[in-house]
Amino acid sequence: MSSNTSATAPLFQSFTSEKIKLSNRTVMAPMTRGFSPDGVPGEDVAGYYRRRAENEVGLIVTEGTGIDHPASVSGASIPLFHGEESLNGWSNVVKEVHEAGGKIVPQLWHVGMTRKKGDLPNEEANPVGPSGLSLDGDKITEPMTEAEVEKMVEAYAQAAADAKRLDFDGIEIHGAHGYLIDQFFWEKTNQRTDRYGGDIVGRTQFAVEVIKACRREVGPDFPIIFRFSQWKMNDYKAKLAETPDELERFLTPLVEAGVDIFHCSTRRFWEPEFEGSDLNLAGWTKKLSGKPVISVGSVGLDGEFTSFSGANTTSLDGLMEKLDDGEFDLVAIGRSLLMDPEWVRKVREGRETELLPFDKAALKQLY
């Protein structure tokens, strides 16, 4: 990486959209940490997010946080986004981040069929999904009824309402990586024949209803970010859309439902999404949807994030070129920020020799 700070200037331009203004183009990517006993984020979690705000991260997206459903998360120390104690914990996180001059949105999450029977915090709760199928296509439980789907939509809406009440700066809806919403998107896990199934447009219906219900609760001016991916946790080569035309058909209902910004998750930001174009998934999403986009995937490191093994720092030149060309609007940084709360400030000041390689031991503590 060049020590000339002008080389990274595109990353430090302000960003303004219809509903949010950020001091720069950096986003803290959502990363599950599991440091919230009984689903309650404490002072250590608040400090963890505050340190990123103090060091100039433009927008913080929290780790995935469970909506109000007994099977929303898998693990007793995953934060929840319902119940007085958990919401009070998140209120303190928001206060700390805002005091440090930062902006923050919660990622609203339901893990769907990736949850195993007997998992904490609610051992008796069975996993739920559109067709009761695991990501490998095995039948685990019965499909959700339409009434259950509609109730789930309202759980997302309640979380959105709570996020606004707690003074968050927006919300991010997790529709990626093979979790619940993505299980509705993916033909392999969605075999429904009602309005929530069918072709690539029909399979967006659950997400459309979630987005509309969240918009109903938060009003017209509150930012809604939507995260999606092609790849799944069990299949890195999976595709929702094989062509730009299919991607446009997928995106259009989500745009019409009320998405303001798309967070386009890839393992490596530099990889083209479709043959015949250098655009990555975020670039294509921006081109087809007309909405601002966040790109993500192994930023600043030489190993893809899904391995979560060690990785060395690497040049940001290719990232800056794509950002400066307007291929995407914002850049989410994951492991580099997990390891080093000062990463953004160091990059802005040209202190590249001080950037830290990623060590998987960082997963076991809150730097």
Protein backbone atom coordinates (compact mmCIF):
# COMPACT_ATOMS: atom_id res chain seq x y z
CA MET A 1 0.00 0.00 0.00
CA SER A 2 1.30 3.43 -0.86
CA SER A 3 2.29 5.64 2.04
CA ASN A 4 0.87 8.56 0.10
CA THR A 5 -2.47 9.29 1.76
CA SER A 6 -3.80 10.74 -1.50
CA ALA A 7 -3.82 7.15 -2.78
CA THR A 8 -6.64 6.37 -0.36
CA ALA A 9 -8.46 9.68 -0.78
CA PRO A 10 -11.57 8.07 -2.40
CA LEU A 11 -12.17 6.18 0.85
CA PHE A 12 -12.34 9.41 2.83
CA GLN A 13 -14.78 11.42 0.79
CA SER A 14 -18.08 12.06 2.53
CA PHE A 15 -21.14 10.10 1.42
CA THR A 16 -24.62 11.54 1.17
CA SER A 17 -27.74 9.69 0.06
CA GLU A 18 -31.39 10.59 0.42
CA LYS A 19 -31.53 9.31 3.99
CA ILE A 20 -28.05 9.18 5.49
CA LYS A 21 -24.87 11.24 5.51
CA LEU A 22 -21.53 9.65 6.43
CA SER A 23 -18.18 11.29 7.04
CA ASN A 24 -16.37 8.77 4.82
CA ARG A 25 -16.94 5.61 2.76
CA THR A 26 -15.91 3.05 5.40
CA VAL A 27 -18.36 0.60 6.95
CA MET A 28 -17.71 -1.88 9.73
CA ALA A 29 -18.97 -5.19 8.39
CA PRO A 30 -21.29 -7.22 10.63
CA MET A 31 -19.36 -10.00 12.38
CA THR A 32 -20.82 -12.44 14.87
CA ARG A 33 -18.84 -12.16 18.10
CA GLY A 34 -20.80 -14.11 20.72
CA PHE A 35 -19.88 -11.91 23.70
CA SER A 36 -23.45 -11.20 24.88
CA PRO A 37 -24.37 -13.65 27.67
CA ASP A 38 -28.09 -14.48 27.66
CA GLY A 39 -28.39 -12.34 24.52
CA VAL A 40 -27.54 -9.10 26.34
CA PRO A 41 -24.74 -6.84 25.00
CA GLY A 42 -22.82 -5.41 27.97
CA GLU A 43 -20.29 -2.66 28.57
CA ASP A 44 -17.54 -4.65 26.83
CA VAL A 45 -19.61 -4.87 23.64
CA ALA A 46 -20.45 -1.16 23.85
CA GLY A 47 -16.76 -0.36 24.23
CA TYR A 48 -15.89 -2.58 21.27
CA TYR A 49 -18.20 -0.61 18.97
CA ARG A 50 -17.27 2.74 20.50
CA ARG A 51 -13.59 2.19 19.72
CA ARG A 52 -14.40 1.85 16.02
CA ALA A 53 -16.45 5.06 16.11
CA GLU A 54 -13.62 6.90 17.87
CA ASN A 55 -11.29 5.82 15.09
CA GLU A 56 -13.43 7.27 12.28
CA VAL A 57 -15.40 4.31 10.92
CA GLY A 58 -18.08 5.97 8.77
CA LEU A 59 -20.88 3.51 9.60
CA ILE A 60 -20.97 0.58 11.99
CA VAL A 61 -23.18 -2.40 11.17
CA THR A 62 -23.57 -4.50 14.29
CA GLU A 63 -23.12 -8.22 14.41
CA GLY A 64 -26.28 -10.15 13.58
CA THR A 65 -28.84 -9.76 16.34
CA GLY A 66 -31.83 -12.04 16.79
CA ILE A 67 -35.38 -10.90 16.13
CA ASP A 68 -38.21 -11.96 18.45
CA HIS A 69 -38.62 -15.63 17.54
CA PRO A 70 -37.51 -18.58 19.69
CA ALA A 71 -35.32 -20.02 16.91
CA SER A 72 -33.83 -16.77 15.61
CA VAL A 73 -30.27 -17.47 16.77
CA SER A 74 -28.06 -20.42 17.58
CA GLY A 75 -26.06 -19.85 20.76
CA ALA A 76 -26.66 -18.46 24.24
CA SER A 77 -24.19 -15.59 23.84
CA ILE A 78 -25.47 -14.26 20.51
CA PRO A 79 -27.11 -10.85 21.06
CA LEU A 80 -30.86 -10.55 20.81
CA PHE A 81 -32.92 -7.60 19.60
CA HIS A 82 -35.94 -8.10 21.81
CA GLY A 83 -36.66 -8.13 25.52
CA GLU A 84 -35.98 -5.31 27.96
CA GLU A 85 -32.46 -6.32 29.00
CA SER A 86 -31.14 -6.85 25.49
CA LEU A 87 -32.69 -3.66 24.15
CA ASN A 88 -31.31 -1.69 27.10
CA GLY A 89 -27.90 -3.11 26.25
CA TRP A 90 -28.25 -1.98 22.65
CA SER A 91 -29.44 1.45 23.81
CA ASN A 92 -26.15 1.81 25.66
CA VAL A 93 -24.21 0.73 22.56
CA VAL A 94 -25.94 3.44 20.53
CA LYS A 95 -25.20 6.04 23.21
CA GLU A 96 -21.51 5.15 23.28
CA VAL A 97 -21.15 5.19 19.48
CA HIS A 98 -22.98 8.50 19.13
CA GLU A 99 -20.91 10.09 21.91
CA ALA A 100 -17.82 9.11 19.92
CA GLY A 101 -19.24 10.75 16.78
CA GLY A 102 -20.15 7.55 14.96
CA LYS A 103 -23.23 6.15 13.27
CA ILE A 104 -24.59 2.66 13.79
CA VAL A 105 -27.29 0.32 12.48
CA PRO A 106 -28.29 -3.08 13.88
CA GLN A 107 -28.28 -6.11 11.62
CA LEU A 108 -31.64 -7.86 12.07
CA TRP A 109 -31.18 -11.60 11.81
CA HIS A 110 -32.89 -14.97 11.81
CA VAL A 111 -30.72 -17.99 11.11
CA GLY A 112 -33.54 -20.18 9.79
CA MET A 113 -32.63 -23.77 8.99
CA THR A 114 -28.93 -23.35 9.80
CA ARG A 115 -29.95 -23.76 13.43
CA LYS A 116 -29.79 -27.31 14.75
CA LYS A 117 -32.39 -28.95 16.94
CA GLY A 118 -31.46 -28.52 20.59
CA ASP A 119 -29.35 -25.39 20.09
CA LEU A 120 -29.36 -22.73 22.78
CA PRO A 121 -30.80 -20.42 23.89
CA ASN A 122 -34.13 -22.22 23.37
CA GLU A 123 -33.36 -25.92 23.19
CA GLU A 124 -37.00 -26.85 22.60
CA ALA A 125 -37.41 -24.61 19.56
CA ASN A 126 -37.13 -26.32 16.19
CA PRO A 127 -35.41 -24.56 13.29
CA VAL A 128 -37.79 -22.99 10.79
CA GLY A 129 -37.55 -22.30 7.08
CA PRO A 130 -39.60 -21.97 3.91
CA SER A 131 -39.68 -25.71 3.19
CA GLY A 132 -38.13 -27.24 6.31
CA LEU A 133 -35.00 -28.10 4.29
CA SER A 134 -31.40 -27.77 5.38
CA LEU A 135 -28.91 -25.99 3.13
CA ASP A 136 -27.99 -29.42 1.81
CA GLY A 137 -31.61 -30.05 0.84
CA ASP A 138 -32.42 -32.51 3.61
CA LYS A 139 -35.86 -32.40 5.21
CA ILE A 140 -35.51 -31.43 8.89
CA THR A 141 -38.84 -29.92 9.89
CA GLU A 142 -42.20 -29.07 8.33
CA PRO A 143 -42.45 -26.00 6.07
CA MET A 144 -43.55 -22.77 7.73
CA THR A 145 -47.28 -22.16 7.41
CA GLU A 146 -48.43 -18.92 5.84
CA ALA A 147 -49.56 -17.77 9.27
CA GLU A 148 -46.07 -18.48 10.66
CA VAL A 149 -44.48 -16.57 7.80
CA GLU A 150 -46.75 -13.58 8.40
CA LYS A 151 -45.94 -13.64 12.12
CA MET A 152 -42.23 -13.69 11.27
CA VAL A 153 -42.67 -10.62 9.07
CA GLU A 154 -44.10 -8.79 12.08
CA ALA A 155 -41.16 -9.85 14.24
CA TYR A 156 -38.83 -8.09 11.80
CA ALA A 157 -41.12 -5.06 11.84
CA GLN A 158 -41.06 -4.89 15.63
CA ALA A 159 -37.26 -5.03 15.60
CA ALA A 160 -37.18 -2.17 13.10
CA ALA A 161 -39.52 -0.11 15.29
CA ASP A 162 -37.31 -0.78 18.31
CA ALA A 163 -34.20 0.22 16.36
CA LYS A 164 -35.73 3.59 15.58
CA ARG A 165 -36.94 4.03 19.17
CA LEU A 166 -33.42 3.31 20.46
CA ASP A 167 -32.01 6.04 18.17
CA PHE A 168 -30.11 3.82 15.76
CA ASP A 169 -29.25 5.50 12.45
CA GLY A 170 -31.03 2.91 10.31
CA ILE A 171 -31.34 -0.88 10.06
CA GLU A 172 -29.73 -3.61 8.05
CA ILE A 173 -31.84 -6.65 7.18
CA HIS A 174 -29.73 -9.81 6.84
CA GLY A 175 -30.81 -11.55 3.65
CA ALA A 176 -27.51 -13.30 2.87
CA HIS A 177 -25.34 -16.38 3.43
CA GLY A 178 -28.05 -19.04 3.58
CA TYR A 179 -29.92 -17.71 6.61
CA LEU A 180 -33.72 -17.44 6.79
CA ILE A 181 -34.46 -14.74 4.22
CA ASP A 182 -31.87 -16.20 1.85
CA GLN A 183 -33.48 -19.62 2.29
CA PHE A 184 -36.62 -18.12 0.76
CA PHE A 185 -34.51 -16.68 -2.10
CA TRP A 186 -32.71 -19.93 -2.93
CA GLU A 187 -34.45 -22.49 -5.10
CA LYS A 188 -32.70 -25.37 -3.29
CA THR A 189 -34.24 -24.47 0.09
CA ASN A 190 -37.52 -22.96 -1.14
CA GLN A 191 -39.81 -25.54 -2.74
CA ARG A 192 -43.03 -23.69 -1.88
CA THR A 193 -45.92 -23.44 -4.30
CA ASP A 194 -47.76 -20.59 -2.56
CA ARG A 195 -47.04 -16.88 -2.94
CA TYR A 196 -43.69 -17.27 -1.15
CA GLY A 197 -42.28 -19.67 -3.75
CA GLY A 198 -41.96 -20.12 -7.49
CA ASP A 199 -39.52 -18.31 -9.76
CA ILE A 200 -36.79 -15.88 -8.73
CA VAL A 201 -39.35 -13.07 -8.38
CA GLY A 202 -41.81 -15.18 -6.39
CA ARG A 203 -39.07 -16.21 -4.00
CA THR A 204 -38.47 -12.55 -3.08
CA GLN A 205 -42.00 -12.22 -1.63
CA PHE A 206 -41.05 -12.93 2.00
CA ALA A 207 -38.26 -10.35 1.85
CA VAL A 208 -40.59 -7.87 0.15
CA GLU A 209 -43.11 -8.23 2.98
CA VAL A 210 -40.35 -7.87 5.59
CA ILE A 211 -39.03 -4.69 3.97
CA LYS A 212 -42.51 -3.18 3.60
CA ALA A 213 -43.41 -4.00 7.21
CA CYS A 214 -40.17 -2.45 8.46
CA ARG A 215 -40.80 0.65 6.35
CA ARG A 216 -44.32 0.90 7.79
CA GLU A 217 -42.84 1.00 11.29
CA VAL A 218 -39.91 3.37 10.72
CA GLY A 219 -41.45 5.85 8.29
CA PRO A 220 -40.17 7.19 4.97
CA ASP A 221 -36.91 8.81 6.12
CA PHE A 222 -35.23 6.00 8.10
CA PRO A 223 -32.52 4.14 6.12
CA ILE A 224 -33.10 0.47 5.31
CA ILE A 225 -30.01 -1.44 4.19
CA PHE A 226 -30.47 -4.92 2.75
CA ARG A 227 -27.65 -7.45 2.70
CA PHE A 228 -27.67 -10.28 0.19
CA SER A 229 -25.21 -12.73 -1.33
CA GLN A 230 -25.02 -15.29 -4.06
CA TRP A 231 -22.89 -17.73 -1.99
CA LYS A 232 -24.10 -19.80 0.94
CA MET A 233 -22.23 -21.04 3.99
CA ASN A 234 -22.25 -24.58 2.59
CA ASP A 235 -21.79 -23.68 -1.08
CA TYR A 236 -19.46 -20.88 -2.09
CA LYS A 237 -20.36 -21.33 -5.76
CA ALA A 238 -24.13 -21.02 -5.29
CA LYS A 239 -25.96 -18.47 -7.42
CA LEU A 240 -29.35 -16.82 -6.99
CA ALA A 241 -28.86 -15.10 -10.35
CA GLU A 242 -26.80 -16.61 -13.16
CA THR A 243 -27.05 -13.54 -15.41
CA PRO A 244 -27.46 -9.76 -15.08
CA ASP A 245 -31.05 -10.13 -16.31
CA GLU A 246 -31.87 -12.54 -13.50
CA LEU A 247 -30.17 -10.25 -10.98
CA GLU A 248 -32.32 -7.35 -12.18
CA ARG A 249 -35.47 -9.44 -11.80
CA PHE A 250 -34.37 -10.31 -8.26
CA LEU A 251 -33.48 -6.74 -7.25
CA THR A 252 -36.50 -4.91 -8.68
CA PRO A 253 -39.09 -6.14 -6.12
CA LEU A 254 -36.70 -5.31 -3.28
CA VAL A 255 -36.15 -1.78 -4.59
CA GLU A 256 -39.89 -1.28 -4.97
CA ALA A 257 -40.46 -2.55 -1.43
CA GLY A 258 -38.24 0.18 0.00
CA VAL A 259 -34.55 -0.76 0.16
CA ASP A 260 -32.31 2.33 0.32
CA ILE A 261 -28.85 0.71 0.17
CA PHE A 262 -27.78 -2.77 -0.88
CA HIS A 263 -24.95 -4.50 0.99
CA CYS A 264 -23.58 -6.98 -1.55
CA SER A 265 -21.65 -9.75 0.15
CA THR A 266 -18.84 -11.48 -1.73
CA ARG A 267 -15.84 -13.41 -0.48
CA ARG A 268 -13.39 -11.37 -2.58
CA PHE A 269 -14.41 -7.86 -3.68
CA TRP A 270 -12.14 -7.95 -6.74
CA GLU A 271 -13.83 -10.88 -8.46
CA PRO A 272 -16.14 -10.13 -11.43
CA GLU A 273 -19.70 -11.36 -10.89
CA PHE A 274 -20.56 -12.24 -14.50
CA GLU A 275 -18.49 -13.07 -17.56
CA GLY A 276 -17.78 -10.22 -19.93
CA SER A 277 -17.59 -7.48 -17.29
CA ASP A 278 -15.17 -6.51 -14.53
CA LEU A 279 -18.01 -5.35 -12.28
CA ASN A 280 -18.35 -7.17 -8.98
CA LEU A 281 -21.71 -7.99 -7.38
CA ALA A 282 -21.98 -4.52 -5.85
CA GLY A 283 -21.14 -2.89 -9.18
CA TRP A 284 -23.82 -4.83 -11.00
CA THR A 285 -26.34 -4.16 -8.22
CA LYS A 286 -25.72 -0.42 -8.42
CA LYS A 287 -26.01 -0.46 -12.22
CA LEU A 288 -29.25 -2.45 -12.23
CA SER A 289 -31.00 -1.00 -9.17
CA GLY A 290 -29.87 2.61 -9.23
CA LYS A 291 -29.34 2.40 -5.47
CA PRO A 292 -26.17 3.07 -3.46
CA VAL A 293 -24.24 -0.09 -2.66
CA ILE A 294 -21.74 -1.41 -0.13
CA SER A 295 -19.00 -3.72 -1.40
CA VAL A 296 -17.28 -6.20 0.90
CA GLY A 297 -14.95 -9.18 0.77
CA SER A 298 -11.38 -9.59 2.06
CA VAL A 299 -10.64 -5.85 2.05
CA GLY A 300 -7.03 -5.18 2.99
CA LEU A 301 -6.15 -8.86 3.46
CA ASP A 302 -4.77 -11.62 1.25
CA GLY A 303 -7.12 -14.40 2.37
CA GLU A 304 -10.88 -14.63 1.90
CA PHE A 305 -12.91 -13.90 5.01
CA THR A 306 -14.90 -17.14 5.03
CA SER A 307 -11.84 -19.15 6.06
CA PHE A 308 -11.29 -17.09 9.22
CA SER A 309 -7.70 -18.30 9.30
CA GLY A 310 -4.80 -15.89 9.50
CA ALA A 311 -4.24 -13.39 6.69
CA ASN A 312 -1.63 -10.79 5.86
CA THR A 313 -2.23 -7.16 4.95
CA THR A 314 -2.25 -6.29 1.28
CA SER A 315 -2.47 -3.28 -1.03
CA LEU A 316 -5.65 -1.21 -1.22
CA ASP A 317 -4.82 0.08 -4.73
CA GLY A 318 -7.32 -2.14 -6.56
CA LEU A 319 -10.06 -1.22 -4.11
CA MET A 320 -9.36 2.50 -4.51
CA GLU A 321 -9.50 2.19 -8.30
CA LYS A 322 -12.95 0.57 -8.21
CA LEU A 323 -14.23 3.04 -5.61
CA ASP A 324 -12.86 6.04 -7.52
CA ASP A 325 -14.51 4.73 -10.70
CA GLY A 326 -17.87 4.75 -8.91
CA GLU A 327 -18.37 0.97 -9.16
CA PHE A 328 -19.64 1.04 -5.58
CA ASP A 329 -20.27 3.72 -2.97
CA LEU A 330 -19.19 2.30 0.37
CA VAL A 331 -16.66 -0.30 1.50
CA ALA A 332 -17.28 -2.72 4.37
CA ILE A 333 -14.23 -3.89 6.30
CA GLY A 334 -14.47 -7.03 8.40
CA ARG A 335 -11.52 -8.91 9.86
CA SER A 336 -9.13 -5.95 9.57
CA LEU A 337 -11.45 -3.91 11.81
CA LEU A 338 -12.12 -6.85 14.11
CA MET A 339 -8.38 -7.10 14.70
CA ASP A 340 -7.62 -3.39 14.84
CA PRO A 341 -10.09 -0.68 15.91
CA GLU A 342 -7.68 1.96 14.54
CA TRP A 343 -7.57 0.53 11.00
CA VAL A 344 -9.52 3.36 9.36
CA ARG A 345 -7.53 6.10 11.08
CA LYS A 346 -4.24 4.40 10.21
CA VAL A 347 -5.21 4.15 6.54
CA ARG A 348 -6.29 7.80 6.43
CA GLU A 349 -3.00 8.91 7.98
CA GLY A 350 -0.88 6.74 5.68
CA ARG A 351 0.39 4.57 8.54
CA GLU A 352 0.39 1.40 6.45
CA THR A 353 3.35 -0.11 8.30
CA GLU A 354 1.22 -0.16 11.45
CA LEU A 355 -1.66 -2.17 9.93
CA LEU A 356 -2.01 -5.53 11.61
CA PRO A 357 -2.29 -8.91 9.88
CA PHE A 358 -5.36 -10.92 10.87
CA ASP A 359 -4.85 -13.53 13.57
CA LYS A 360 -7.74 -15.89 14.23
CA ALA A 361 -7.01 -15.53 17.95
CA ALA A 362 -8.77 -12.17 17.59
CA LEU A 363 -12.05 -14.08 17.37
CA LYS A 364 -11.73 -14.88 21.07
CA GLN A 365 -11.55 -11.33 22.36
CA LEU A 366 -12.94 -7.84 21.81
CA TYR A 367 -10.11 -5.57 20.73
